[in-house]
């Protein structure tokens, strides 16, 4: 699968979690939310605290 194909994701070989998750949630104690509506699209909300 190529990075430009739908469904492609890079995961960490040890934790099997996507790299974006590791950076936002584990390293910065943030949040990732995905809101999707069929036929309308998908919205990703990424929150990263500024008071670390």
Protein backbone atom coordinates (compact mmCIF):
# COMPACT_ATOMS: atom_id res chain seq x y z
CA UNK A 1 0.00 0.00 0.00
CA UNK A 2 1.29 3.46 -0.91
CA UNK A 3 1.06 6.55 1.36
CA UNK A 4 -1.33 8.18 -1.12
CA UNK A 5 -3.86 5.30 -0.97
CA UNK A 6 -6.96 5.43 1.20
CA UNK A 7 -6.45 3.43 4.38
CA UNK A 8 -2.65 3.87 4.53
CA UNK A 9 -1.36 4.51 8.03
CA UNK A 10 2.12 4.44 9.59
CA UNK A 11 2.24 2.49 12.84
CA UNK A 12 4.88 1.91 15.48
CA UNK A 13 6.13 -1.68 15.29
CA UNK A 14 6.19 -2.08 19.09
CA UNK A 15 2.91 -0.49 20.23
CA UNK A 16 1.06 -0.98 16.91
CA UNK A 17 -0.41 2.54 17.30
CA UNK A 18 -0.38 5.19 14.57
CA UNK A 19 2.52 7.66 14.84
CA UNK A 20 0.16 10.66 15.03
CA UNK A 21 -1.53 9.11 18.06
CA UNK A 22 1.79 8.59 19.80
CA UNK A 23 2.92 12.17 19.21
CA UNK A 24 -0.34 13.91 20.14
CA UNK A 25 -1.71 11.68 22.92
CA UNK A 26 1.26 9.95 24.52
CA UNK A 27 3.96 12.62 24.17
CA UNK A 28 1.88 15.81 24.50
CA UNK A 29 -1.10 14.45 26.50
CA UNK A 30 -3.51 15.76 23.87
CA UNK A 31 -6.62 14.41 22.18
CA UNK A 32 -7.55 13.22 18.70
CA UNK A 33 -11.22 12.99 17.67
CA UNK A 34 -12.65 11.94 14.35
CA UNK A 35 -16.13 13.07 13.29
CA UNK A 36 -17.42 11.47 10.11
CA UNK A 37 -20.74 11.72 8.28
CA UNK A 38 -21.39 9.54 5.23
CA UNK A 39 -21.65 11.68 2.11
CA UNK A 40 -20.48 14.82 3.96
CA UNK A 41 -16.87 14.13 4.83
CA UNK A 42 -14.64 13.72 7.87
CA UNK A 43 -13.38 16.23 10.40
CA UNK A 44 -10.37 15.60 12.64
CA UNK A 45 -10.05 17.53 15.88
CA UNK A 46 -6.56 17.63 17.39
CA UNK A 47 -6.04 19.25 20.80
CA UNK A 48 -2.56 19.76 22.23
CA UNK A 49 -2.24 21.41 25.66
CA UNK A 50 0.00 24.47 25.83
CA UNK A 51 0.73 24.18 29.56
CA UNK A 52 3.15 21.21 29.54
